[in-house]
C-alpha atoms as a PDB file:
ATOM      1  CA  MET A   1     -54.584  85.347 -65.401  1.00  0.00           C
ATOM      2  CA  ASP A   2     -54.759  89.093 -65.032  1.00  0.00           C
ATOM      3  CA  ARG A   3     -56.687  91.441 -67.293  1.00  0.00           C
ATOM      4  CA  THR A   4     -53.620  92.346 -69.348  1.00  0.00           C
ATOM      5  CA  ALA A   5     -52.877  88.695 -70.103  1.00  0.00           C
ATOM      6  CA  ALA A   6     -56.533  88.087 -71.009  1.00  0.00           C
ATOM      7  CA  LEU A   7     -56.511  91.100 -73.327  1.00  0.00           C
ATOM      8  CA  GLU A   8     -53.455  89.693 -75.049  1.00  0.00           C
ATOM      9  CA  LYS A   9     -55.092  86.266 -75.366  1.00  0.00           C
ATOM     10  CA  VAL A  10     -58.269  87.618 -77.032  1.00  0.00           C
ATOM     11  CA  LYS A  11     -56.487  90.175 -79.225  1.00  0.00           C
ATOM     12  CA  LEU A  12     -55.800  88.112 -82.361  1.00  0.00           C
ATOM     13  CA  PRO A  13     -59.070  86.142 -82.513  1.00  0.00           C
ATOM     14  CA  ALA A  14     -60.953  89.414 -81.940  1.00  0.00           C
ATOM     15  CA  ILE A  15     -59.082  91.035 -84.828  1.00  0.00           C
ATOM     16  CA  GLY A  16     -59.981  87.965 -86.892  1.00  0.00           C
ATOM     17  CA  LEU A  17     -63.680  88.461 -86.115  1.00  0.00           C
ATOM     18  CA  ILE A  18     -63.376  92.127 -87.044  1.00  0.00           C
ATOM     19  CA  ALA A  19     -61.839  91.131 -90.384  1.00  0.00           C
ATOM     20  CA  VAL A  20     -64.522  88.501 -91.055  1.00  0.00           C
ATOM     21  CA  GLY A  21     -67.234  91.054 -90.278  1.00  0.00           C
ATOM     22  CA  ALA A  22     -65.673  93.732 -92.468  1.00  0.00           C
ATOM     23  CA  LEU A  23     -65.154  91.361 -95.406  1.00  0.00           C
ATOM     24  CA  GLY A  24     -68.675  89.991 -95.021  1.00  0.00           C
ATOM     25  CA  ALA A  25     -70.115  93.519 -94.988  1.00  0.00           C
ATOM     26  CA  ALA A  26     -68.165  94.420 -98.124  1.00  0.00           C
ATOM     27  CA  GLY A  27     -69.415  91.265 -99.839  1.00  0.00           C
ATOM     28  CA  ALA A  28     -73.007  91.942 -98.781  1.00  0.00           C
ATOM     29  CA  LEU A  29     -72.825  95.490-100.129  1.00  0.00           C
ATOM     30  CA  ALA A  30     -71.344  94.258-103.398  1.00  0.00           C
ATOM     31  CA  GLY A  31     -74.089  91.637-103.653  1.00  0.00           C
ATOM     32  CA  ALA A  32     -76.795  94.226-103.061  1.00  0.00           C
ATOM     33  CA  VAL A  33     -75.348  96.524-105.707  1.00  0.00           C
ATOM     34  CA  GLN A  34     -74.870  93.694-108.195  1.00  0.00           C
ATOM     35  CA  GLY A  35     -78.382  92.397-107.572  1.00  0.00           C
ATOM     36  CA  ALA A  36     -79.802  95.801-108.312  1.00  0.00           C
ATOM     37  CA  THR A  37     -78.024  96.216-111.642  1.00  0.00           C
ATOM     38  CA  ASN A  38     -80.021  96.079-114.830  1.00  0.00           C
ATOM     39  CA  GLN A  39     -77.610  93.533-116.309  1.00  0.00           C
ATOM     40  CA  GLN A  40     -78.518  90.877-113.758  1.00  0.00           C
ATOM     41  CA  VAL A  41     -82.230  91.616-114.085  1.00  0.00           C
ATOM     42  CA  ASP A  42     -81.926  91.340-117.875  1.00  0.00           C
ATOM     43  CA  GLN A  43     -80.131  88.003-117.524  1.00  0.00           C
ATOM     44  CA  LEU A  44     -82.971  86.715-115.342  1.00  0.00           C
ATOM     45  CA  ARG A  45     -85.557  87.861-117.873  1.00  0.00           C
ATOM     46  CA  GLN A  46     -83.677  86.170-120.705  1.00  0.00           C
ATOM     47  CA  ALA A  47     -83.396  82.915-118.771  1.00  0.00           C
ATOM     48  CA  PHE A  48     -87.123  82.881-118.008  1.00  0.00           C
ATOM     49  CA  ASP A  49     -87.933  83.762-121.613  1.00  0.00           C
ATOM     50  CA  ARG A  50     -85.778  80.848-122.827  1.00  0.00           C
ATOM     51  CA  ALA A  51     -87.698  78.624-120.426  1.00  0.00           C
ATOM     52  CA  GLY A  52     -90.912  79.633-122.193  1.00  0.00           C
ATOM     53  CA  MET A  53     -92.565  81.591-119.387  1.00  0.00           C
ATOM     54  CA  ASP A  54     -95.111  84.222-120.279  1.00  0.00           C
ATOM     55  CA  PRO A  55     -93.985  87.838-119.748  1.00  0.00           C
ATOM     56  CA  GLU A  56     -96.254  88.467-116.762  1.00  0.00           C
ATOM     57  CA  THR A  57     -94.946  85.420-114.888  1.00  0.00           C
ATOM     58  CA  THR A  58     -91.402  86.356-115.852  1.00  0.00           C
ATOM     59  CA  GLU A  59     -91.804  89.851-114.365  1.00  0.00           C
ATOM     60  CA  THR A  60     -93.282  88.389-111.178  1.00  0.00           C
ATOM     61  CA  PHE A  61     -90.365  85.987-110.740  1.00  0.00           C
ATOM     62  CA  VAL A  62     -87.781  88.643-111.597  1.00  0.00           C
ATOM     63  CA  SER A  63     -89.290  91.011-109.019  1.00  0.00           C
ATOM     64  CA  LEU A  64     -89.408  88.290-106.362  1.00  0.00           C
ATOM     65  CA  LEU A  65     -85.840  87.176-106.996  1.00  0.00           C
ATOM     66  CA  ALA A  66     -84.490  90.729-107.063  1.00  0.00           C
ATOM     67  CA  GLY A  67     -86.340  91.544-103.840  1.00  0.00           C
ATOM     68  CA  GLY A  68     -85.134  88.328-102.206  1.00  0.00           C
ATOM     69  CA  ASN A  69     -81.569  89.146-103.195  1.00  0.00           C
ATOM     70  CA  LEU A  70     -81.872  92.571-101.613  1.00  0.00           C
ATOM     71  CA  VAL A  71     -83.354  91.144 -98.406  1.00  0.00           C
ATOM     72  CA  MET A  72     -80.598  88.509 -98.145  1.00  0.00           C
ATOM     73  CA  SER A  73     -77.921  91.111 -98.809  1.00  0.00           C
ATOM     74  CA  LEU A  74     -79.314  93.375 -96.087  1.00  0.00           C
ATOM     75  CA  LEU A  75     -79.530  90.439 -93.672  1.00  0.00           C
ATOM     76  CA  ALA A  76     -75.940  89.470 -94.470  1.00  0.00           C
ATOM     77  CA  LEU A  77     -74.899  93.097 -93.947  1.00  0.00           C
ATOM     78  CA  ALA A  78     -76.595  93.178 -90.532  1.00  0.00           C
ATOM     79  CA  VAL A  79     -75.036  89.865 -89.473  1.00  0.00           C
ATOM     80  CA  SER A  80     -71.615  90.998 -90.703  1.00  0.00           C
ATOM     81  CA  GLY A  81     -71.997  94.185 -88.691  1.00  0.00           C
ATOM     82  CA  LEU A  82     -72.834  92.099 -85.633  1.00  0.00           C
ATOM     83  CA  ILE A  83     -69.735  89.936 -86.191  1.00  0.00           C
ATOM     84  CA  LEU A  84     -67.577  93.044 -86.538  1.00  0.00           C
ATOM     85  CA  TRP A  85     -69.108  94.600 -83.401  1.00  0.00           C
ATOM     86  CA  SER A  86     -68.604  91.370 -81.444  1.00  0.00           C
ATOM     87  CA  GLY A  87     -64.915  91.404 -82.363  1.00  0.00           C
ATOM     88  CA  LEU A  88     -64.572  95.015 -81.247  1.00  0.00           C
ATOM     89  CA  GLN A  89     -66.270  94.214 -77.940  1.00  0.00           C
ATOM     90  CA  MET A  90     -64.236  91.026 -77.449  1.00  0.00           C
ATOM     91  CA  ARG A  91     -61.062  93.006 -77.908  1.00  0.00           C
ATOM     92  CA  GLN A  92     -62.057  95.107 -74.871  1.00  0.00           C
ATOM     93  CA  LEU A  93     -63.209  92.083 -72.815  1.00  0.00           C
ATOM     94  CA  LYS A  94     -66.817  93.250 -73.042  1.00  0.00           C
ATOM     95  CA  GLY A  95     -69.886  91.257 -74.038  1.00  0.00           C
ATOM     96  CA  ARG A  96     -68.695  87.668 -73.816  1.00  0.00           C
ATOM     97  CA  GLY A  97     -72.118  86.405 -74.949  1.00  0.00           C
ATOM     98  CA  LEU A  98     -72.007  88.729 -77.940  1.00  0.00           C
ATOM     99  CA  ALA A  99     -68.493  87.524 -78.753  1.00  0.00           C
ATOM    100  CA  ILE A 100     -69.681  83.906 -78.631  1.00  0.00           C
ATOM    101  CA  ALA A 101     -72.626  84.732 -80.912  1.00  0.00           C
ATOM    102  CA  GLY A 102     -70.346  86.610 -83.320  1.00  0.00           C
ATOM    103  CA  SER A 103     -67.906  83.692 -83.382  1.00  0.00           C
ATOM    104  CA  ILE A 104     -70.681  81.268 -84.278  1.00  0.00           C
ATOM    105  CA  LEU A 105     -72.202  83.574 -86.900  1.00  0.00           C
ATOM    106  CA  GLY A 106     -68.772  84.077 -88.449  1.00  0.00           C
ATOM    107  CA  MET A 107     -68.573  80.344 -89.116  1.00  0.00           C
ATOM    108  CA  LEU A 108     -71.855  80.233 -91.071  1.00  0.00           C
ATOM    109  CA  PRO A 109     -71.347  80.475 -94.843  1.00  0.00           C
ATOM    110  CA  CYS A 110     -74.926  81.603 -95.447  1.00  0.00           C
ATOM    111  CA  PHE A 111     -74.112  84.994 -93.890  1.00  0.00           C
ATOM    112  CA  THR A 112     -70.440  85.512 -94.582  1.00  0.00           C
ATOM    113  CA  GLY A 113     -70.303  84.082 -98.099  1.00  0.00           C
ATOM    114  CA  CYS A 114     -66.773  83.316 -99.194  1.00  0.00           C
ATOM    115  CA  CYS A 115     -65.540  84.694 -95.882  1.00  0.00           C
ATOM    116  CA  CYS A 116     -66.417  81.361 -94.255  1.00  0.00           C
ATOM    117  CA  VAL A 117     -62.993  80.187 -95.473  1.00  0.00           C
ATOM    118  CA  ILE A 118     -61.484  82.403 -92.789  1.00  0.00           C
ATOM    119  CA  GLY A 119     -64.617  82.681 -90.652  1.00  0.00           C
ATOM    120  CA  LEU A 120     -64.623  78.993 -89.729  1.00  0.00           C
ATOM    121  CA  PRO A 121     -61.096  78.801 -88.274  1.00  0.00           C
ATOM    122  CA  VAL A 122     -61.341  82.281 -86.724  1.00  0.00           C
ATOM    123  CA  GLY A 123     -64.714  81.450 -85.156  1.00  0.00           C
ATOM    124  CA  ILE A 124     -63.413  78.181 -83.715  1.00  0.00           C
ATOM    125  CA  TRP A 125     -60.297  79.918 -82.408  1.00  0.00           C
ATOM    126  CA  ALA A 126     -62.363  82.684 -80.807  1.00  0.00           C
ATOM    127  CA  LEU A 127     -64.689  80.142 -79.173  1.00  0.00           C
ATOM    128  CA  VAL A 128     -61.758  78.180 -77.754  1.00  0.00           C
ATOM    129  CA  VAL A 129     -60.309  81.372 -76.271  1.00  0.00           C
ATOM    130  CA  LEU A 130     -63.702  82.506 -74.957  1.00  0.00           C
ATOM    131  CA  MET A 131     -64.235  79.164 -73.202  1.00  0.00           C
ATOM    132  CA  ASN A 132     -60.946  79.491 -71.309  1.00  0.00           C
ATOM    133  CA  ASN A 133     -61.737  79.858 -67.585  1.00  0.00           C
ATOM    134  CA  GLU A 134     -59.260  82.689 -67.028  1.00  0.00           C
ATOM    135  CA  VAL A 135     -60.628  84.604 -70.015  1.00  0.00           C
ATOM    136  CA  LYS A 136     -64.168  84.032 -68.697  1.00  0.00           C
ATOM    137  CA  ALA A 137     -63.102  85.484 -65.361  1.00  0.00           C
ATOM    138  CA  ALA A 138     -61.537  88.505 -67.065  1.00  0.00           C
ATOM    139  CA  PHE A 139     -64.787  89.162 -68.955  1.00  0.00           C
ATOM    140  CA  GLU A 140     -66.634  89.038 -65.653  1.00  0.00           C
ATOM    141  CA  GLY A 141     -64.170  91.494 -64.139  1.00  0.00           C
ATOM    142  CA  GLN A 142     -62.575  88.959 -61.792  1.00  0.00           C
ATOM    143  CA  GLN A 143     -58.860  88.659 -61.312  1.00  0.00           C
ATOM    144  CA  GLY A 144     -57.067  85.382 -60.856  1.00  0.00           C
END
């Protein structure tokens, strides 16, 4: 398989990874913004108050949960960016290891949220293509 054929073979799964990364990043940003809104913090306070927690404990839990949400959103944003970058690199037959990592990360629902619905089949498809011997050779710069 020549380089042109390999580029054609990786094109669609790479675009799929790019889409999964972009959607995951958008979801992570939305989650970070939503987690920082006063409405969600007020809902947490009300739930803890209904549970009978004292105000000091409530504030501690609210702060921890809000901080944890922000950390998880930033982690999801970073992972989504890595998935997107791996798709861009795969599309140019660069960074096969990165493309494999991005394919696997795209299948994990803990980082891509609802995007795992498309991330799972796209990740599997990308891995199948990346394991093809001719595609491997094209990534390594070999012809044949």
